[in-house]
Amino acid sequence: MSKSRNLPLLLPGEPAEFLVYDELERCPYLPEQRARLPFRLPVRALSGEELDKRLEAGDRRNGPLLYKPSCPSCRACEPIRIDAYRFGLRERHRRTLRRGDRELAIEIGPTVATEDRVALYNLHLETRGLSQTGPRMDLEGYRHFLVESCCNSFEIRYYHEGRLAGVAVTDRGARSLSAVYCYYDTTLSHLGIGTYSILKQLELCRHYGLRHLYLGLYVEGCEAMGYKARFYPHERLVDGKWRVFDKPPQTAES
């Protein structure tokens, strides 16, 4: 995409969207690849039905913007979701739920930007080796990334001994939840907060009568994204169609 192209462009749809960025860049998941992630800004907030349609088409959200990988030579990114009513707990999930329910307190509320959230977010990136070259997230960057939204969004807060231990930013559609981003205190890795959060979001889906939990992108070859495919059965959007993936029978349960 040429940098001389005039943006934004108004794209038709319901609602219409402005194309605000569309350039080739270094892939954030596979550094050896070149990525194209066009960012679009809806002209108004999305309804639950409108969000569902975009999630079903493979869209993700970053702040108020939507995007979908459109890379020229790579198809490693596959949107992934879990059917909340087909997913069955395994013993390791039950252990994680029992431990989390015993040691963590949960609160659901609106997304907010605070200094303790920013500090926890940066700590999570650094200790998991996910930080990219560049400055640490600041309060304004956090607000743009995880508080500003184009749809109905909320956060699930996890507390350990009265201290904020994790946050899961989540979008709600008419038939689904979308796990936008989860970060947590990695010194509490024994609690498995990342897994626990997905399991609690699946509980919320069933509580609200929603069908799917979207987990974002599964990226083959990206270790940091590999955990998503370990929730079985799950569905991945491959060549425009959602395909069910069941755990191979020869893979041992952990």
Protein backbone atom coordinates (compact mmCIF):
# COMPACT_ATOMS: atom_id res chain seq x y z
CA MET A 1 0.00 0.00 0.00
CA SER A 2 1.53 3.28 -1.07
CA LYS A 3 2.08 5.86 1.63
CA SER A 4 0.90 8.52 -0.85
CA ARG A 5 -2.62 7.18 -0.80
CA ASN A 6 -5.02 9.70 0.66
CA LEU A 7 -6.64 8.50 3.87
CA PRO A 8 -9.12 8.34 5.44
CA LEU A 9 -11.48 6.78 2.95
CA LEU A 10 -15.15 6.18 3.68
CA LEU A 11 -16.07 2.52 3.23
CA PRO A 12 -19.71 1.45 2.75
CA GLY A 13 -21.38 -0.69 5.40
CA GLU A 14 -23.78 -0.64 8.31
CA PRO A 15 -22.51 1.48 9.82
CA ALA A 16 -20.02 2.95 7.34
CA GLU A 17 -16.36 2.95 8.37
CA PHE A 18 -13.38 5.17 7.69
CA LEU A 19 -10.23 3.42 6.51
CA VAL A 20 -7.63 5.33 8.54
CA TYR A 21 -4.46 3.24 8.09
CA ASP A 22 -3.34 0.70 5.51
CA GLU A 23 0.40 0.08 5.19
CA LEU A 24 2.80 -2.85 5.01
CA GLU A 25 4.74 -3.19 8.24
CA ARG A 26 6.78 -5.62 10.30
CA CYS A 27 4.54 -8.39 11.60
CA PRO A 28 3.92 -8.16 15.37
CA TYR A 29 3.54 -11.96 15.60
CA LEU A 30 6.07 -13.36 13.11
CA PRO A 31 8.97 -10.90 12.81
CA GLU A 32 10.24 -12.44 9.57
CA GLN A 33 6.94 -11.64 7.84
CA ARG A 34 5.46 -8.42 6.48
CA ALA A 35 1.97 -7.65 7.74
CA ARG A 36 -0.91 -5.62 6.42
CA LEU A 37 -3.46 -4.71 9.09
CA PRO A 38 -5.86 -2.08 7.69
CA PHE A 39 -7.47 -0.13 10.54
CA ARG A 40 -11.06 1.07 10.20
CA LEU A 41 -13.06 3.47 12.35
CA PRO A 42 -16.86 3.01 12.44
CA VAL A 43 -18.75 6.29 12.10
CA ARG A 44 -20.78 5.41 15.19
CA ALA A 45 -20.83 2.83 17.97
CA LEU A 46 -21.69 -0.71 16.89
CA SER A 47 -24.81 -2.50 18.08
CA GLY A 48 -24.45 -6.01 19.45
CA GLU A 49 -25.63 -7.51 16.15
CA GLU A 50 -23.21 -5.36 14.17
CA LEU A 51 -20.32 -6.41 16.40
CA ASP A 52 -21.26 -10.09 15.97
CA LYS A 53 -21.19 -9.75 12.18
CA ARG A 54 -17.72 -8.27 12.28
CA LEU A 55 -16.42 -10.89 14.67
CA GLU A 56 -17.87 -13.64 12.47
CA ALA A 57 -16.02 -12.09 9.52
CA GLY A 58 -12.73 -12.18 11.43
CA ASP A 59 -12.45 -8.63 12.73
CA ARG A 60 -10.60 -7.68 15.91
CA ARG A 61 -10.71 -4.44 17.89
CA ASN A 62 -7.88 -2.13 18.93
CA GLY A 63 -9.25 0.82 20.86
CA PRO A 64 -12.00 2.39 18.72
CA LEU A 65 -10.59 0.78 15.56
CA LEU A 66 -11.33 -2.53 13.82
CA TYR A 67 -8.84 -4.54 11.81
CA LYS A 68 -8.44 -7.84 10.01
CA PRO A 69 -5.13 -9.25 8.73
CA SER A 70 -4.84 -8.84 4.96
CA CYS A 71 -1.21 -9.85 4.54
CA PRO A 72 0.19 -10.31 1.02
CA SER A 73 2.11 -13.56 1.48
CA CYS A 74 1.12 -15.12 4.81
CA ARG A 75 -2.06 -16.76 6.12
CA ALA A 76 -0.80 -17.78 9.56
CA CYS A 77 -3.39 -15.66 11.42
CA GLU A 78 -6.70 -17.45 11.98
CA PRO A 79 -9.54 -15.98 14.08
CA ILE A 80 -10.47 -18.48 16.79
CA ARG A 81 -13.59 -18.91 18.91
CA ILE A 82 -15.08 -21.38 21.39
CA ASP A 83 -18.66 -22.59 21.40
CA ALA A 84 -19.59 -22.07 25.05
CA TYR A 85 -22.11 -24.90 24.95
CA ARG A 86 -19.87 -27.46 23.25
CA PHE A 87 -16.79 -26.84 25.32
CA GLY A 88 -16.32 -29.41 28.08
CA LEU A 89 -14.16 -28.92 31.16
CA ARG A 90 -11.20 -31.23 31.58
CA GLU A 91 -9.67 -32.01 34.94
CA ARG A 92 -6.94 -29.39 34.50
CA HIS A 93 -9.65 -26.76 33.88
CA ARG A 94 -11.52 -27.85 37.00
CA ARG A 95 -8.32 -27.53 39.04
CA THR A 96 -7.72 -24.03 37.67
CA LEU A 97 -11.30 -23.00 38.43
CA ARG A 98 -11.19 -24.38 41.97
CA ARG A 99 -7.89 -22.67 42.71
CA GLY A 100 -8.97 -19.36 41.15
CA ASP A 101 -12.37 -19.36 42.84
CA ARG A 102 -10.63 -19.96 46.15
CA GLU A 103 -7.87 -17.36 45.85
CA LEU A 104 -9.21 -14.65 43.54
CA ALA A 105 -12.02 -12.14 43.93
CA ILE A 106 -13.80 -11.02 40.75
CA GLU A 107 -15.38 -7.70 39.88
CA ILE A 108 -17.01 -6.65 36.61
CA GLY A 109 -17.21 -3.00 35.64
CA PRO A 110 -16.52 -0.41 32.96
CA THR A 111 -13.08 -0.15 31.40
CA VAL A 112 -10.93 2.50 33.08
CA ALA A 113 -7.35 3.76 32.79
CA THR A 114 -5.38 4.01 36.03
CA GLU A 115 -1.68 4.04 36.88
CA ASP A 116 -1.86 0.66 38.62
CA ARG A 117 -3.37 -0.90 35.49
CA VAL A 118 -0.67 0.61 33.30
CA ALA A 119 2.06 -0.68 35.63
CA LEU A 120 0.56 -4.18 35.70
CA TYR A 121 0.14 -4.17 31.91
CA ASN A 122 3.80 -3.22 31.35
CA LEU A 123 5.01 -5.77 33.91
CA HIS A 124 3.01 -8.49 32.17
CA LEU A 125 4.53 -7.68 28.78
CA GLU A 126 8.07 -7.50 30.10
CA THR A 127 8.05 -10.67 32.18
CA ARG A 128 6.39 -12.73 29.43
CA GLY A 129 8.81 -11.47 26.77
CA LEU A 130 6.01 -9.79 24.80
CA SER A 131 7.28 -6.21 24.91
CA GLN A 132 8.12 -4.68 21.55
CA THR A 133 10.91 -2.25 20.81
CA GLY A 134 9.77 1.18 21.84
CA PRO A 135 8.51 3.08 24.89
CA ARG A 136 6.53 1.51 27.68
CA MET A 137 2.78 1.98 27.65
CA ASP A 138 1.71 5.22 29.30
CA LEU A 139 -1.68 6.23 30.66
CA GLU A 140 -2.84 7.87 27.43
CA GLY A 141 -1.72 4.90 25.34
CA TYR A 142 -3.52 2.53 27.68
CA ARG A 143 -6.68 4.62 27.46
CA HIS A 144 -6.59 4.57 23.65
CA PHE A 145 -5.86 0.83 23.46
CA LEU A 146 -8.08 -0.66 26.17
CA VAL A 147 -10.63 1.96 27.26
CA GLU A 148 -11.75 3.70 24.08
CA SER A 149 -14.11 1.44 22.15
CA CYS A 150 -16.60 1.32 19.29
CA CYS A 151 -18.90 -1.19 21.02
CA ASN A 152 -20.21 -2.38 24.38
CA SER A 153 -17.05 -3.14 26.39
CA PHE A 154 -16.33 -3.98 30.01
CA GLU A 155 -13.51 -5.32 32.13
CA ILE A 156 -13.27 -8.29 34.45
CA ARG A 157 -11.00 -7.48 37.40
CA TYR A 158 -9.19 -10.16 39.36
CA TYR A 159 -7.98 -9.39 42.89
CA HIS A 160 -5.58 -11.40 45.01
CA GLU A 161 -5.50 -10.56 48.71
CA GLY A 162 -7.11 -7.21 47.97
CA ARG A 163 -4.60 -6.23 45.25
CA LEU A 164 -5.34 -5.97 41.52
CA ALA A 165 -3.89 -9.15 39.97
CA GLY A 166 -5.34 -9.11 36.47
CA VAL A 167 -7.71 -7.44 34.03
CA ALA A 168 -9.59 -8.94 31.09
CA VAL A 169 -11.05 -6.39 28.66
CA THR A 170 -14.09 -7.92 26.97
CA ASP A 171 -16.59 -6.88 24.29
CA ARG A 172 -20.21 -8.00 24.30
CA GLY A 173 -22.22 -8.69 21.18
CA ALA A 174 -25.79 -9.94 20.80
CA ARG A 175 -24.66 -13.58 20.63
CA SER A 176 -21.07 -13.54 21.76
CA LEU A 177 -18.31 -12.22 23.96
CA SER A 178 -14.93 -11.22 22.57
CA ALA A 179 -11.81 -11.48 24.72
CA VAL A 180 -9.96 -8.34 23.65
CA TYR A 181 -6.96 -8.46 25.98
CA CYS A 182 -5.99 -10.03 29.30
CA TYR A 183 -2.96 -9.14 31.38
CA TYR A 184 -2.05 -10.24 34.88
CA ASP A 185 0.58 -10.37 37.61
CA THR A 186 3.02 -13.00 36.40
CA THR A 187 4.34 -13.55 39.95
CA LEU A 188 1.01 -15.34 40.47
CA SER A 189 1.62 -17.75 37.60
CA HIS A 190 0.63 -20.69 39.83
CA LEU A 191 -2.95 -19.41 39.67
CA GLY A 192 -3.13 -19.64 35.87
CA ILE A 193 -5.01 -16.35 35.63
CA GLY A 194 -4.95 -16.35 31.83
CA THR A 195 -6.64 -19.76 31.61
CA TYR A 196 -8.91 -18.93 34.54
CA SER A 197 -10.07 -15.77 32.77
CA ILE A 198 -11.05 -17.67 29.62
CA LEU A 199 -12.98 -20.20 31.70
CA LYS A 200 -14.82 -17.42 33.56
CA GLN A 201 -15.65 -15.68 30.26
CA LEU A 202 -17.13 -18.96 29.03
CA GLU A 203 -19.21 -19.05 32.22
CA LEU A 204 -20.38 -15.51 31.46
CA CYS A 205 -21.37 -16.56 27.94
CA ARG A 206 -23.60 -19.29 29.35
CA HIS A 207 -24.94 -16.98 32.07
CA TYR A 208 -25.93 -14.36 29.47
CA GLY A 209 -27.17 -16.96 26.96
CA LEU A 210 -24.43 -16.15 24.43
CA ARG A 211 -23.06 -18.76 22.04
CA HIS A 212 -19.42 -17.94 21.33
CA LEU A 213 -16.33 -16.61 23.05
CA TYR A 214 -13.91 -15.11 20.52
CA LEU A 215 -10.25 -15.40 21.53
CA GLY A 216 -8.73 -13.22 18.83
CA LEU A 217 -6.12 -14.63 16.48
CA TYR A 218 -4.42 -17.99 16.58
CA VAL A 219 -1.07 -17.55 14.82
CA GLU A 220 0.71 -20.71 13.78
CA GLY A 221 4.40 -20.37 14.66
CA CYS A 222 3.83 -17.73 17.36
CA GLU A 223 4.45 -19.29 20.76
CA ALA A 224 2.69 -16.49 22.63
CA MET A 225 -0.57 -17.30 20.78
CA GLY A 226 -0.32 -21.08 21.07
CA TYR A 227 -2.34 -21.35 24.27
CA LYS A 228 -5.56 -20.47 22.42
CA ALA A 229 -5.53 -23.68 20.38
CA ARG A 230 -5.30 -25.76 23.55
CA PHE A 231 -8.98 -25.08 24.30
CA TYR A 232 -10.86 -27.89 22.55
CA PRO A 233 -13.09 -28.13 20.70
CA HIS A 234 -12.68 -24.73 19.06
CA GLU A 235 -13.43 -23.16 15.70
CA ARG A 236 -11.02 -21.29 13.43
CA LEU A 237 -11.84 -19.14 10.42
CA VAL A 238 -9.99 -20.79 7.52
CA ASP A 239 -10.45 -19.56 3.94
CA GLY A 240 -13.61 -17.70 4.93
CA LYS A 241 -15.31 -20.61 6.72
CA TRP A 242 -15.45 -21.52 10.40
CA ARG A 243 -14.02 -25.02 10.88
CA VAL A 244 -14.26 -27.12 14.04
CA PHE A 245 -10.97 -28.45 15.44
CA ASP A 246 -11.12 -31.33 17.91
CA LYS A 247 -8.13 -32.35 19.99
CA PRO A 248 -6.19 -35.13 18.26
CA PRO A 249 -6.89 -38.42 20.11
CA GLN A 250 -3.18 -39.25 20.29
CA THR A 251 -2.46 -36.04 22.28
CA ALA A 252 -2.29 -36.81 25.98
CA GLU A 253 -4.43 -34.86 28.40
CA SER A 254 -2.52 -32.76 30.89
